[in-house]
């Protein structure tokens, strides 16, 4: 049975995979988002369900809490984890770039809890582990800034984290820039060392070498690179940073990252995603990946895939719908925050059925923890909506819905009380509560649309296509005609203090479906990695801020809904 790539769409890069029996577990990088290292489970390699995060406690993922580290969320945090199973334990090793450390955590249940980090005396990034047949454990990673480029290795005591051998360079790669993402495998009589080269850009590639010793010397595969889409017009680009797995039926597979660019010149904004390709071994013992070293959007899956009937978020749009009515006492797996959020910033228990965000002085422009929760955009075409209640009391207070790439690249739709000077520059009215659509592109920031408000409750909408984001609002029957009972809602007699030019009059009555009124749009291209930089992808976020001061008024969100189109 054929399957569709990517198997995990959206910002899920640097995949690593392991198998325990007939169960497969996969982890990816998370960078500056918390919790860190999402972990997925599958029984057929195609359909994956997130079962939690590896790094879920603040002490597991120190990201400079409360400090402006100067590191953007798109380039800080947790890089390139590797997951392995050995002797009753699952191990994950990764790099915390913000803290400048490499560390190992382990768990007997991959859904957690995971141990506190075992910090290693080991430099570089992209660490990996091989548990060899004789009980020895090898730690493999990249060079540091003070070392020659290449792949470095040492034997390690997995219980203490102490090195049992000198650190030595074992392979420099085939000549591509940034040799990284190494994985060492012991397969039959050979030790295979597979790495990524070329940078995680359009020249990305996967190469491999082998030796009869884990220390080399390593012989480069005559077919290198074994995976690349460089200088092609394939719809998947930047492929590399892979990990090999032998399935329970004996077949071999590779998970790897890639991007799906669009437009000209090509750009991508969903982030680096997780793809799957079959692997065949030739008569000389070298792996052949995909079809002539390429991965396609549609490929033939494992033989055991056709017998599985579970939902697939990458295949079935209905199963990819995400709606949260905030009825629990903790946020569910898709949600992340920007760095570690201090206590008291968000609550699901203060008003049951509502998410409460208390804005701090930190803003969307700051490299600081703030009142923000977000989930990844996983489809080019999708719709997002939320119902917000917010009464800004002082100038600078705002809360709303944001399309977020980084501190310098985002679009936002928010209820706010503007700074008076800003407001007077835009309108001659007396300053008050407003609905704004604002765009931030690098050093350029502009309020594109401003509507003075007297109603504190609105549905905020975003409609995404491959090329654009469209922003709007809707008045619901719940907004205009509440059913009563205790609720954060506050209503007033008019929607807008005046009718903005060109804006249709809004009317709603019980039983009708009010229209969505679109007030602005922005290009996806301007939030792409090619423009914004970094290593992440788009998040849809709910946020609140006092813009330099703590917010006196909390923002209340009744629900959040993500719907692929």
Protein backbone atom coordinates (compact mmCIF):
# COMPACT_ATOMS: atom_id res chain seq x y z
CA UNK A 1 0.00 0.00 0.00
CA UNK A 2 1.29 3.44 -0.91
CA UNK A 3 1.70 6.25 1.61
CA UNK A 4 2.08 10.02 1.47
CA UNK A 5 5.11 11.99 2.61
CA UNK A 6 5.82 13.75 4.88
CA UNK A 7 4.86 11.18 7.50
CA UNK A 8 4.98 13.93 10.17
CA UNK A 9 4.18 17.30 8.52
CA UNK A 10 5.13 20.67 9.95
CA UNK A 11 8.13 21.72 12.02
CA UNK A 12 9.48 18.31 13.09
CA UNK A 13 13.14 18.22 11.95
CA UNK A 14 16.17 16.01 12.62
CA UNK A 15 14.19 12.79 13.13
CA UNK A 16 15.68 9.84 14.99
CA UNK A 17 13.98 6.48 15.33
CA UNK A 18 14.24 3.24 17.29
CA UNK A 19 12.26 0.00 17.49
CA UNK A 20 11.14 -2.12 20.43
CA UNK A 21 9.41 -5.27 19.19
CA UNK A 22 6.75 -4.18 16.73
CA UNK A 23 6.61 -0.64 18.13
CA UNK A 24 8.48 2.34 16.72
CA UNK A 25 9.41 5.55 18.50
CA UNK A 26 10.57 8.77 16.86
CA UNK A 27 11.89 12.05 18.26
CA UNK A 28 12.66 15.42 16.62
CA UNK A 29 14.33 18.71 17.48
CA UNK A 30 12.34 21.40 19.31
CA UNK A 31 14.78 24.37 19.48
CA UNK A 32 13.50 27.18 21.77
CA UNK A 33 10.02 25.74 22.31
CA UNK A 34 8.95 24.01 25.54
CA UNK A 35 8.30 21.16 26.30
CA UNK A 36 11.29 19.85 24.41
CA UNK A 37 11.73 16.91 22.02
CA UNK A 38 8.30 15.69 20.90
CA UNK A 39 8.09 11.89 20.86
CA UNK A 40 5.85 9.83 18.56
CA UNK A 41 4.72 6.21 18.42
CA UNK A 42 3.78 4.04 15.44
CA UNK A 43 3.21 0.38 14.64
CA UNK A 44 3.59 0.72 10.86
CA UNK A 45 6.12 3.53 10.24
CA UNK A 46 3.49 5.58 8.40
CA UNK A 47 0.89 6.65 10.97
CA UNK A 48 2.35 8.43 13.97
CA UNK A 49 0.75 9.62 17.19
CA UNK A 50 2.47 12.00 19.56
CA UNK A 51 2.64 10.45 23.04
CA UNK A 52 4.31 13.34 24.83
CA UNK A 53 7.63 15.12 25.19
CA UNK A 54 10.99 13.88 26.40
CA UNK A 55 11.94 17.12 28.18
CA UNK A 56 8.86 18.33 30.03
CA UNK A 57 10.24 19.73 33.31
CA UNK A 58 12.10 23.07 33.58
CA UNK A 59 15.19 21.42 35.10
CA UNK A 60 15.38 19.10 32.07
CA UNK A 61 15.48 21.98 29.61
CA UNK A 62 17.23 25.08 31.01
CA UNK A 63 16.85 27.87 28.47
CA UNK A 64 18.04 30.88 30.45
CA UNK A 65 14.78 31.38 32.33
CA UNK A 66 13.92 35.01 32.99
CA UNK A 67 16.93 36.26 31.03
CA UNK A 68 17.18 37.83 27.64
CA UNK A 69 19.77 35.46 26.22
CA UNK A 70 19.81 37.26 22.89
CA UNK A 71 19.18 33.91 21.19
CA UNK A 72 16.16 33.76 18.93
CA UNK A 73 13.72 30.92 19.51
CA UNK A 74 14.44 29.75 15.95
CA UNK A 75 18.13 29.11 16.66
CA UNK A 76 18.35 28.29 20.38
CA UNK A 77 17.31 25.38 22.58
CA UNK A 78 17.35 21.67 21.80
CA UNK A 79 19.11 20.35 18.70
CA UNK A 80 19.10 16.95 16.98
CA UNK A 81 18.16 14.28 19.54
CA UNK A 82 18.93 10.61 19.01
CA UNK A 83 16.73 7.87 20.52
CA UNK A 84 17.93 4.32 21.17
CA UNK A 85 16.66 1.29 23.12
CA UNK A 86 18.97 -0.90 25.18
CA UNK A 87 18.47 -3.43 27.95
CA UNK A 88 15.05 -2.28 29.16
CA UNK A 89 15.65 1.47 28.76
CA UNK A 90 14.99 4.09 26.12
CA UNK A 91 17.79 6.65 25.87
CA UNK A 92 17.65 10.11 24.29
CA UNK A 93 20.81 12.19 23.84
CA UNK A 94 20.71 15.77 22.58
CA UNK A 95 22.37 19.20 22.59
CA UNK A 96 21.03 22.18 24.54
CA UNK A 97 22.61 25.00 22.56
CA UNK A 98 21.35 27.70 24.93
CA UNK A 99 23.00 26.06 27.94
CA UNK A 100 26.00 24.85 25.93
CA UNK A 101 25.66 21.22 27.03
CA UNK A 102 25.11 17.72 25.70
CA UNK A 103 23.07 15.43 27.92
CA UNK A 104 21.34 12.05 28.18
CA UNK A 105 17.94 11.20 29.65
CA UNK A 106 16.33 7.77 29.85
CA UNK A 107 12.97 6.15 30.56
CA UNK A 108 11.50 2.66 30.71
CA UNK A 109 8.27 3.97 29.17
CA UNK A 110 8.84 6.26 26.17
CA UNK A 111 5.72 8.20 27.15
CA UNK A 112 7.65 9.20 30.30
CA UNK A 113 8.59 10.18 32.83
CA UNK A 114 12.16 10.70 31.68
CA UNK A 115 15.04 11.12 34.10
CA UNK A 116 16.83 14.35 34.88
CA UNK A 117 19.63 15.04 32.38
CA UNK A 118 23.01 13.40 32.75
CA UNK A 119 25.32 16.19 31.58
CA UNK A 120 28.31 15.08 29.56
CA UNK A 121 31.84 16.41 29.22
CA UNK A 122 31.39 16.50 25.46
CA UNK A 123 31.44 19.38 22.99
CA UNK A 124 29.90 19.89 19.59
CA UNK A 125 26.31 19.18 18.56
CA UNK A 126 24.17 16.33 17.18
CA UNK A 127 25.31 13.56 19.57
CA UNK A 128 24.37 9.94 18.91
CA UNK A 129 24.77 6.61 20.74
CA UNK A 130 25.62 3.09 19.60
CA UNK A 131 25.07 0.26 22.08
CA UNK A 132 27.37 -2.37 20.64
CA UNK A 133 27.00 -6.14 20.86
CA UNK A 134 29.88 -6.47 23.35
CA UNK A 135 28.32 -4.01 25.81
CA UNK A 136 30.45 -1.05 24.82
CA UNK A 137 28.70 2.27 24.15
CA UNK A 138 30.01 4.78 21.62
CA UNK A 139 29.22 8.51 21.66
CA UNK A 140 29.47 10.16 18.25
CA UNK A 141 29.03 13.86 17.40
CA UNK A 142 30.42 16.86 15.57
CA UNK A 143 33.55 18.85 16.16
CA UNK A 144 33.59 22.00 18.27
CA UNK A 145 34.43 25.50 17.01
CA UNK A 146 38.02 24.90 18.12
CA UNK A 147 38.43 21.59 16.28
CA UNK A 148 38.78 20.59 12.66
CA UNK A 149 35.44 19.91 10.93
CA UNK A 150 34.39 16.28 11.05
CA UNK A 151 32.86 13.57 13.17
CA UNK A 152 34.29 12.85 16.62
CA UNK A 153 33.82 9.80 18.81
CA UNK A 154 34.62 8.31 22.22
CA UNK A 155 33.58 5.31 24.25
CA UNK A 156 31.29 6.30 27.13
CA UNK A 157 30.11 4.82 30.43
CA UNK A 158 26.35 5.10 29.99
CA UNK A 159 25.71 5.04 33.74
CA UNK A 160 28.08 7.85 34.73
CA UNK A 161 28.47 9.75 31.47
CA UNK A 162 32.26 9.57 31.81
CA UNK A 163 34.36 8.99 28.72
CA UNK A 164 36.21 5.68 28.61
CA UNK A 165 38.51 6.63 25.74
CA UNK A 166 40.04 9.75 24.21
CA UNK A 167 37.90 11.89 21.93
CA UNK A 168 39.09 11.42 18.37
CA UNK A 169 38.09 12.46 14.86
CA UNK A 170 37.00 9.38 12.89
CA UNK A 171 35.77 10.82 9.56
CA UNK A 172 35.69 14.21 7.90
CA UNK A 173 32.93 13.34 5.41
CA UNK A 174 33.09 13.58 1.63
CA UNK A 175 33.91 17.28 1.41
CA UNK A 176 30.48 18.87 1.93
CA UNK A 177 30.22 21.72 4.43
CA UNK A 178 29.06 21.13 7.99
CA UNK A 179 29.53 17.36 8.46
CA UNK A 180 26.95 16.69 11.18
CA UNK A 181 24.04 14.52 12.30
CA UNK A 182 26.16 11.33 12.66
CA UNK A 183 24.81 7.87 13.48
CA UNK A 184 27.03 4.82 13.92
CA UNK A 185 25.50 1.37 13.24
CA UNK A 186 26.91 -2.13 13.67
CA UNK A 187 25.34 -4.21 10.88
CA UNK A 188 26.71 -7.69 10.26
CA UNK A 189 30.51 -7.39 10.02
CA UNK A 190 30.54 -3.65 9.33
CA UNK A 191 30.37 -0.42 11.28
CA UNK A 192 28.50 2.10 9.15
CA UNK A 193 28.86 5.82 9.86
CA UNK A 194 26.10 7.88 8.25
CA UNK A 195 26.17 11.69 8.38
CA UNK A 196 24.57 14.80 6.89
CA UNK A 197 26.61 17.21 4.79
CA UNK A 198 26.04 20.40 2.82
CA UNK A 199 24.19 22.31 5.52
CA UNK A 200 20.47 21.93 6.18
CA UNK A 201 19.77 23.94 3.04
CA UNK A 202 19.20 23.22 -0.65
CA UNK A 203 22.60 21.50 -0.93
CA UNK A 204 21.79 19.08 1.90
CA UNK A 205 22.74 15.42 1.48
CA UNK A 206 23.22 12.17 3.37
CA UNK A 207 26.51 10.28 3.04
CA UNK A 208 27.81 7.04 4.51
CA UNK A 209 31.10 5.22 5.11
CA UNK A 210 32.05 1.90 6.71
CA UNK A 211 34.81 0.10 8.54
CA UNK A 212 35.41 -3.18 10.31
CA UNK A 213 36.24 -1.14 13.44
CA UNK A 214 34.16 1.54 15.17
CA UNK A 215 37.29 3.73 15.05
CA UNK A 216 37.86 3.39 11.32
CA UNK A 217 39.51 3.97 8.98
CA UNK A 218 36.21 4.55 7.20
CA UNK A 219 35.74 3.80 3.52
CA UNK A 220 33.38 6.21 1.76
CA UNK A 221 30.46 4.67 -0.14
CA UNK A 222 31.13 4.80 -3.91
CA UNK A 223 27.53 5.97 -4.44
CA UNK A 224 27.72 8.98 -2.09
CA UNK A 225 25.61 10.91 -1.51
CA UNK A 226 23.13 8.13 -0.84
CA UNK A 227 20.30 10.70 -0.49
CA UNK A 228 20.07 14.21 -1.96
CA UNK A 229 17.74 16.40 -4.01
CA UNK A 230 20.26 19.14 -4.70
CA UNK A 231 20.06 20.75 -8.17
CA UNK A 232 16.71 19.07 -8.90
CA UNK A 233 13.17 20.37 -9.24
CA UNK A 234 11.72 17.78 -6.87
CA UNK A 235 8.84 19.07 -4.68
CA UNK A 236 10.81 17.92 -1.63
CA UNK A 237 14.13 19.69 -1.04
CA UNK A 238 16.95 19.95 1.54
CA UNK A 239 16.73 16.23 2.33
CA UNK A 240 19.17 14.79 4.83
CA UNK A 241 19.89 14.29 8.54
CA UNK A 242 18.55 10.74 8.41
CA UNK A 243 18.40 7.71 10.70
CA UNK A 244 18.18 4.04 9.65
CA UNK A 245 15.84 1.43 11.13
CA UNK A 246 15.29 -2.25 10.43
CA UNK A 247 11.59 -3.06 10.67
CA UNK A 248 10.23 -6.12 12.44
CA UNK A 249 9.70 -7.83 9.07
CA UNK A 250 13.38 -7.41 8.16
CA UNK A 251 12.92 -4.51 5.74
CA UNK A 252 15.03 -1.35 6.09
CA UNK A 253 13.89 2.28 6.14
CA UNK A 254 15.25 5.78 6.60
CA UNK A 255 13.56 8.71 8.30
CA UNK A 256 14.99 12.06 7.29
CA UNK A 257 14.16 15.74 7.18
CA UNK A 258 13.14 17.74 4.14
CA UNK A 259 11.17 20.83 3.16
CA UNK A 260 8.37 21.52 0.71
CA UNK A 261 9.22 24.83 -1.01
CA UNK A 262 6.81 26.85 -3.13
CA UNK A 263 6.89 29.90 -5.40
CA UNK A 264 9.82 31.43 -7.20
CA UNK A 265 12.41 31.84 -5.98
CA UNK A 266 11.41 28.89 -3.81
CA UNK A 267 10.74 29.42 -0.10
CA UNK A 268 9.38 27.26 2.71
CA UNK A 269 7.56 28.30 5.89
CA UNK A 270 6.16 25.13 7.48
CA UNK A 271 9.64 24.18 8.61
CA UNK A 272 11.73 21.07 8.08
CA UNK A 273 9.46 18.02 8.16
CA UNK A 274 9.89 14.27 8.69
CA UNK A 275 9.91 11.98 5.63
CA UNK A 276 10.26 8.22 5.13
CA UNK A 277 12.09 6.32 2.38
CA UNK A 278 12.71 2.60 1.77
CA UNK A 279 16.28 1.30 1.90
CA UNK A 280 17.69 -1.64 -0.05
CA UNK A 281 21.14 -3.16 0.48
CA UNK A 282 23.09 -4.00 -2.66
CA UNK A 283 25.29 -7.05 -3.19
CA UNK A 284 28.33 -5.10 -1.98
CA UNK A 285 26.71 -4.19 1.32
CA UNK A 286 25.90 -0.54 0.60
CA UNK A 287 22.48 1.04 1.26
CA UNK A 288 20.39 2.38 -1.64
CA UNK A 289 17.86 4.94 -0.38
CA UNK A 290 14.48 5.59 -2.01
CA UNK A 291 14.58 5.59 -5.79
CA UNK A 292 18.08 6.48 -7.02
CA UNK A 293 18.72 8.39 -3.80
CA UNK A 294 15.47 10.34 -3.87
CA UNK A 295 12.33 10.47 -1.74
CA UNK A 296 8.91 11.21 -3.21
CA UNK A 297 5.61 12.59 -1.95
CA UNK A 298 4.03 9.20 -2.60
CA UNK A 299 5.91 5.92 -2.13
CA UNK A 300 5.27 2.24 -1.48
CA UNK A 301 4.98 1.54 2.24
CA UNK A 302 6.01 -1.48 4.31
CA UNK A 303 4.16 -4.74 3.72
CA UNK A 304 2.67 -4.56 7.22
CA UNK A 305 1.25 -1.05 6.68
CA UNK A 306 -1.86 -2.22 4.82
CA UNK A 307 -3.12 -4.17 7.84
CA UNK A 308 -3.20 -1.12 10.10
CA UNK A 309 -6.43 0.86 10.36
CA UNK A 310 -5.45 3.60 12.82
CA UNK A 311 -5.90 7.26 11.91
CA UNK A 312 -3.08 9.07 10.15
CA UNK A 313 -2.63 12.80 10.77
CA UNK A 314 -0.56 13.11 7.61
CA UNK A 315 -3.12 11.29 5.47
CA UNK A 316 -6.63 12.01 6.73
CA UNK A 317 -7.66 15.64 7.14
CA UNK A 318 -10.40 14.75 9.60
CA UNK A 319 -7.90 13.15 11.97
CA UNK A 320 -5.67 16.22 11.63
CA UNK A 321 -8.34 18.52 13.09
CA UNK A 322 -7.23 19.87 16.43
CA UNK A 323 -9.73 21.50 18.77
CA UNK A 324 -9.09 22.32 22.40
CA UNK A 325 -11.95 23.53 24.61
CA UNK A 326 -9.54 23.91 27.53
CA UNK A 327 -11.53 21.56 29.74
CA UNK A 328 -8.47 19.83 31.22
CA UNK A 329 -6.10 20.90 33.96
CA UNK A 330 -3.00 20.86 31.74
CA UNK A 331 -2.24 21.68 28.11
CA UNK A 332 -2.30 18.75 25.69
CA UNK A 333 0.64 17.55 23.58
CA UNK A 334 0.38 19.83 20.52
CA UNK A 335 0.80 22.97 22.66
CA UNK A 336 4.17 24.60 23.31
CA UNK A 337 5.35 27.75 25.01
CA UNK A 338 8.17 30.11 24.10
CA UNK A 339 10.93 28.96 26.43
CA UNK A 340 10.05 28.07 30.04
CA UNK A 341 7.09 30.17 31.19
CA UNK A 342 7.18 31.37 34.84
CA UNK A 343 4.41 30.14 37.19
CA UNK A 344 1.18 32.12 37.22
CA UNK A 345 1.35 33.18 33.57
CA UNK A 346 -1.21 30.68 32.26
CA UNK A 347 -4.05 28.78 33.92
CA UNK A 348 -6.70 26.23 32.96
CA UNK A 349 -8.25 26.11 36.42
CA UNK A 350 -8.90 29.77 37.22
CA UNK A 351 -11.97 29.72 34.95
CA UNK A 352 -12.67 26.04 34.08
CA UNK A 353 -13.17 25.65 30.35
CA UNK A 354 -11.04 28.69 29.56
CA UNK A 355 -7.36 29.27 29.02
CA UNK A 356 -6.27 32.32 30.99
CA UNK A 357 -3.10 34.16 29.94
CA UNK A 358 -1.67 36.93 32.09
CA UNK A 359 0.53 39.15 30.00
CA UNK A 360 3.93 40.14 31.36
CA UNK A 361 6.29 42.91 30.31
CA UNK A 362 7.75 40.50 27.71
CA UNK A 363 6.52 41.00 24.15
CA UNK A 364 6.53 39.03 20.92
CA UNK A 365 9.65 41.01 19.99
CA UNK A 366 11.66 39.81 23.00
CA UNK A 367 13.95 36.79 23.42
CA UNK A 368 12.23 36.15 26.75
CA UNK A 369 9.60 33.77 28.14
CA UNK A 370 6.15 35.30 27.69
CA UNK A 371 2.45 34.54 27.93
CA UNK A 372 2.26 32.47 24.74
CA UNK A 373 1.00 29.02 23.81
CA UNK A 374 1.22 27.78 20.25
CA UNK A 375 0.90 24.77 17.98
CA UNK A 376 2.63 24.02 14.69
CA UNK A 377 1.13 24.76 11.30
CA UNK A 378 1.12 21.37 9.62
CA UNK A 379 -0.74 22.02 6.36
CA UNK A 380 -0.39 24.71 3.70
CA UNK A 381 -4.14 25.27 3.60
CA UNK A 382 -5.86 25.43 6.96
CA UNK A 383 -8.13 27.54 9.15
CA UNK A 384 -7.56 28.62 12.73
CA UNK A 385 -10.03 30.31 15.06
CA UNK A 386 -10.39 31.14 18.72
CA UNK A 387 -12.85 33.01 20.94
CA UNK A 388 -11.14 35.64 23.07
CA UNK A 389 -12.42 37.85 25.86
CA UNK A 390 -10.08 40.67 26.83
CA UNK A 391 -10.60 44.10 28.40
CA UNK A 392 -7.34 46.07 28.19
CA UNK A 393 -7.16 48.55 31.05
CA UNK A 394 -3.95 50.42 30.29
CA UNK A 395 -2.12 51.56 27.19
CA UNK A 396 0.08 48.81 25.76
CA UNK A 397 -2.00 45.87 26.95
CA UNK A 398 -2.91 43.44 24.18
CA UNK A 399 -3.88 39.82 23.57
CA UNK A 400 -4.81 37.82 20.53
CA UNK A 401 -3.83 35.36 17.81
CA UNK A 402 -0.46 35.35 16.06
CA UNK A 403 1.21 33.63 13.10
CA UNK A 404 4.69 33.33 14.55
CA UNK A 405 8.02 32.47 12.99
CA UNK A 406 10.30 34.41 15.33
CA UNK A 407 10.68 37.56 17.43
CA UNK A 408 11.19 39.58 14.26
CA UNK A 409 8.82 37.87 11.84
CA UNK A 410 5.12 37.48 12.67
CA UNK A 411 1.57 38.63 11.89
CA UNK A 412 -0.90 39.28 14.71
CA UNK A 413 -4.59 39.92 15.18
CA UNK A 414 -5.21 41.37 18.64
CA UNK A 415 -7.50 43.19 21.03
CA UNK A 416 -5.52 45.99 22.60
CA UNK A 417 -5.36 49.45 24.10
CA UNK A 418 -2.81 51.25 21.99
CA UNK A 419 -0.31 53.73 23.27
CA UNK A 420 -2.05 57.09 22.95
CA UNK A 421 0.58 58.61 20.67
CA UNK A 422 0.36 55.61 18.36
CA UNK A 423 -3.41 55.76 18.33
CA UNK A 424 -3.53 59.47 17.57
CA UNK A 425 -1.14 58.95 14.69
CA UNK A 426 -3.64 56.52 13.18
CA UNK A 427 -6.98 58.08 14.15
CA UNK A 428 -8.26 61.28 15.64
CA UNK A 429 -10.56 59.57 18.16
CA UNK A 430 -10.02 59.35 21.87
CA UNK A 431 -7.81 56.36 22.61
CA UNK A 432 -9.66 53.19 23.56
CA UNK A 433 -9.88 49.43 23.04
CA UNK A 434 -9.21 48.33 19.48
CA UNK A 435 -8.92 45.35 17.18
CA UNK A 436 -5.67 45.54 15.23
CA UNK A 437 -3.96 43.62 12.48
CA UNK A 438 -0.20 44.17 12.70
CA UNK A 439 2.71 42.87 10.62
CA UNK A 440 6.32 42.59 11.80
CA UNK A 441 8.94 41.86 9.12
CA UNK A 442 12.47 42.29 10.41
CA UNK A 443 12.99 45.90 11.45
CA UNK A 444 9.71 46.95 9.81
CA UNK A 445 6.52 46.94 11.88
CA UNK A 446 3.15 48.41 10.97
CA UNK A 447 -0.45 48.35 12.18
CA UNK A 448 -2.21 47.61 8.89
CA UNK A 449 -5.78 47.76 10.21
CA UNK A 450 -7.30 49.34 13.32
CA UNK A 451 -10.93 49.08 14.41
CA UNK A 452 -12.03 50.81 17.65
CA UNK A 453 -14.02 48.34 19.78
CA UNK A 454 -16.53 48.37 22.59
CA UNK A 455 -17.16 44.61 22.65
CA UNK A 456 -14.46 42.65 24.51
CA UNK A 457 -15.35 39.23 23.03
CA UNK A 458 -14.67 38.21 19.43
CA UNK A 459 -13.82 35.17 17.40
CA UNK A 460 -10.45 35.71 15.75
CA UNK A 461 -9.85 33.88 12.48
CA UNK A 462 -6.86 33.03 10.29
CA UNK A 463 -7.25 31.36 6.91
CA UNK A 464 -4.04 30.04 5.37
CA UNK A 465 -3.18 29.07 1.81
CA UNK A 466 0.19 28.19 0.36
CA UNK A 467 0.81 31.85 -0.47
CA UNK A 468 -1.14 33.98 2.03
CA UNK A 469 -2.58 34.32 5.51
CA UNK A 470 -5.94 36.10 5.77
CA UNK A 471 -7.08 37.61 9.07
CA UNK A 472 -10.61 38.29 10.26
CA UNK A 473 -13.08 38.34 13.12
CA UNK A 474 -16.59 37.13 13.77
CA UNK A 475 -19.27 37.96 16.29
CA UNK A 476 -20.96 34.84 17.58
CA UNK A 477 -24.33 34.32 19.20
CA UNK A 478 -22.38 33.55 22.37
CA UNK A 479 -20.76 36.97 22.09
CA UNK A 480 -23.97 38.92 21.50
CA UNK A 481 -26.49 36.78 23.38
CA UNK A 482 -24.80 34.89 26.22
CA UNK A 483 -26.83 32.13 27.81
CA UNK A 484 -26.04 33.36 31.30
CA UNK A 485 -24.04 31.78 34.06
CA UNK A 486 -20.62 32.62 35.36
CA UNK A 487 -18.29 33.52 32.50
CA UNK A 488 -15.43 35.90 31.78
CA UNK A 489 -17.63 37.60 29.13
CA UNK A 490 -18.40 41.30 29.39
CA UNK A 491 -20.75 42.79 26.84
CA UNK A 492 -21.64 46.31 25.74
CA UNK A 493 -24.24 47.79 23.48
CA UNK A 494 -22.18 48.35 20.35
CA UNK A 495 -19.58 46.41 18.48
CA UNK A 496 -17.54 49.29 17.13
CA UNK A 497 -17.50 52.85 18.42
CA UNK A 498 -17.92 53.89 14.81
CA UNK A 499 -18.34 52.10 11.51
CA UNK A 500 -14.95 51.93 9.77
CA UNK A 501 -15.02 53.00 6.16
CA UNK A 502 -15.79 50.13 3.82
CA UNK A 503 -16.76 47.76 6.65
CA UNK A 504 -20.12 46.00 6.45
CA UNK A 505 -22.54 46.45 9.34
CA UNK A 506 -22.50 43.38 11.57
CA UNK A 507 -25.75 41.81 12.61
CA UNK A 508 -26.49 38.55 14.39
CA UNK A 509 -29.46 36.92 16.00
CA UNK A 510 -29.91 33.63 17.78
CA UNK A 511 -29.90 30.74 15.33
CA UNK A 512 -27.97 32.55 12.59
CA UNK A 513 -24.36 32.14 11.63
CA UNK A 514 -22.59 35.52 11.66
CA UNK A 515 -20.20 36.24 8.83
CA UNK A 516 -16.44 36.36 9.14
CA UNK A 517 -15.15 39.83 8.25
CA UNK A 518 -11.66 39.81 6.78
CA UNK A 519 -9.53 42.84 7.60
CA UNK A 520 -6.06 42.04 6.28
CA UNK A 521 -3.62 39.55 4.87
CA UNK A 522 0.08 38.80 4.70
CA UNK A 523 2.33 36.76 2.46
CA UNK A 524 3.61 33.41 3.72
CA UNK A 525 6.85 34.18 1.86
CA UNK A 526 7.74 36.97 4.29
CA UNK A 527 7.64 34.48 7.20
CA UNK A 528 9.65 31.81 5.39
CA UNK A 529 12.99 30.44 6.53
CA UNK A 530 14.64 32.01 3.47
CA UNK A 531 13.56 35.45 4.77
CA UNK A 532 13.43 34.98 8.55
CA UNK A 533 16.34 32.55 8.93
CA UNK A 534 16.61 29.95 11.67
CA UNK A 535 15.66 26.29 11.82
CA UNK A 536 11.99 26.20 12.84
CA UNK A 537 8.57 26.64 11.21
CA UNK A 538 5.32 28.52 11.69
CA UNK A 539 3.34 28.38 14.92
CA UNK A 540 -0.21 29.58 15.48
CA UNK A 541 -0.14 31.16 18.93
CA UNK A 542 -2.41 32.63 21.59
CA UNK A 543 -0.65 35.38 23.50
CA UNK A 544 -0.93 38.31 25.90
CA UNK A 545 1.47 41.12 26.76
CA UNK A 546 1.64 44.42 28.60
CA UNK A 547 4.35 45.69 26.22
CA UNK A 548 6.87 46.67 28.87
CA UNK A 549 4.62 46.33 31.92
CA UNK A 550 2.64 43.52 33.50
CA UNK A 551 -0.91 43.31 32.13
CA UNK A 552 -3.58 44.27 34.66
CA UNK A 553 -6.27 42.40 32.74
CA UNK A 554 -6.15 38.67 31.95
CA UNK A 555 -6.93 37.35 28.48
CA UNK A 556 -9.47 34.52 28.35
CA UNK A 557 -9.67 32.01 25.48
CA UNK A 558 -12.74 29.77 25.26
CA UNK A 559 -11.43 27.37 22.60
CA UNK A 560 -8.88 26.94 19.83
CA UNK A 561 -9.55 25.11 16.59
CA UNK A 562 -7.18 24.06 13.80
CA UNK A 563 -8.84 22.72 10.65
CA UNK A 564 -6.98 21.61 7.49
CA UNK A 565 -8.69 22.65 4.27
